[in-house]
């Protein structure tokens, strides 16, 4: 998975915000349909979407998942059970 739909992105942001409300800090990662997204990457995604919204006045159709090469994975790390 290299990108999220707007619906997936919004759900991820809602879960991150809820986690912060309950725990007083941001989660180390977010999980979207088994895709583990690092804090650095989801914060970058939020920043990029906010910038896009301010520049264009609309939401993007899709949101690219940032890369964290130093962690050893390109887009996300799939969680297996």
Protein backbone atom coordinates (compact mmCIF):
# COMPACT_ATOMS: atom_id res chain seq x y z
CA UNK A 1 0.00 0.00 0.00
CA UNK A 2 1.55 3.30 -1.07
CA UNK A 3 -1.41 5.61 -0.62
CA UNK A 4 -4.69 5.96 1.25
CA UNK A 5 -8.07 7.01 0.03
CA UNK A 6 -9.46 10.14 1.65
CA UNK A 7 -11.84 7.94 3.66
CA UNK A 8 -8.97 5.76 4.94
CA UNK A 9 -6.91 8.86 5.74
CA UNK A 10 -9.72 10.50 7.71
CA UNK A 11 -10.33 7.31 9.69
CA UNK A 12 -6.59 7.09 10.48
CA UNK A 13 -6.52 10.72 11.68
CA UNK A 14 -9.63 10.15 13.83
CA UNK A 15 -7.95 7.14 15.47
CA UNK A 16 -4.72 9.06 16.09
CA UNK A 17 -6.66 11.94 17.69
CA UNK A 18 -8.68 9.54 19.83
CA UNK A 19 -5.48 7.81 20.99
CA UNK A 20 -3.99 11.18 21.95
CA UNK A 21 -7.12 12.14 23.90
CA UNK A 22 -7.00 8.89 25.85
CA UNK A 23 -3.24 8.62 26.38
CA UNK A 24 -1.93 12.19 26.28
CA UNK A 25 0.54 11.44 23.49
CA UNK A 26 0.57 10.49 19.84
CA UNK A 27 0.79 6.78 18.98
CA UNK A 28 4.12 5.38 17.72
CA UNK A 29 2.32 4.22 14.59
CA UNK A 30 -1.09 4.06 12.94
CA UNK A 31 -2.55 0.95 11.31
CA UNK A 32 -4.75 1.14 8.23
CA UNK A 33 -6.00 -2.19 6.85
CA UNK A 34 -2.96 -4.03 8.22
CA UNK A 35 -0.53 -1.36 7.02
CA UNK A 36 1.63 0.00 9.87
CA UNK A 37 2.50 3.68 9.31
CA UNK A 38 5.17 5.27 11.50
CA UNK A 39 4.52 8.41 13.52
CA UNK A 40 6.96 10.35 11.34
CA UNK A 41 5.09 9.26 8.22
CA UNK A 42 1.55 9.91 9.46
CA UNK A 43 2.57 13.34 10.77
CA UNK A 44 4.11 14.10 7.38
CA UNK A 45 0.88 12.96 5.70
CA UNK A 46 -1.21 15.25 7.93
CA UNK A 47 1.09 18.18 7.20
CA UNK A 48 0.92 17.55 3.43
CA UNK A 49 -2.88 17.26 3.41
CA UNK A 50 -3.23 20.48 5.42
CA UNK A 51 -0.87 22.27 3.03
CA UNK A 52 -2.80 20.94 0.00
CA UNK A 53 -6.10 22.06 1.54
CA UNK A 54 -4.78 25.57 2.22
CA UNK A 55 -3.31 25.91 -1.28
CA UNK A 56 -6.24 24.52 -3.27
CA UNK A 57 -9.25 24.89 -0.99
CA UNK A 58 -10.12 21.21 -1.37
CA UNK A 59 -9.14 17.81 -0.02
CA UNK A 60 -6.98 15.44 -2.06
CA UNK A 61 -8.59 12.31 -3.48
CA UNK A 62 -5.70 10.17 -2.30
CA UNK A 63 -2.95 10.63 0.27
CA UNK A 64 0.52 9.25 -0.37
CA UNK A 65 2.14 7.42 2.53
CA UNK A 66 5.53 8.96 3.29
CA UNK A 67 8.69 6.88 3.17
CA UNK A 68 10.83 6.26 6.19
CA UNK A 69 13.87 4.68 4.58
CA UNK A 70 15.92 4.64 7.78
CA UNK A 71 13.34 2.25 9.26
CA UNK A 72 13.82 -0.18 6.38
CA UNK A 73 10.43 -0.06 4.71
CA UNK A 74 9.19 1.98 1.78
CA UNK A 75 5.54 2.77 2.37
CA UNK A 76 4.25 0.71 5.22
CA UNK A 77 4.99 -2.46 7.08
CA UNK A 78 2.22 -5.00 6.88
CA UNK A 79 1.29 -6.57 10.16
CA UNK A 80 0.81 -10.32 10.05
CA UNK A 81 -0.92 -12.31 12.74
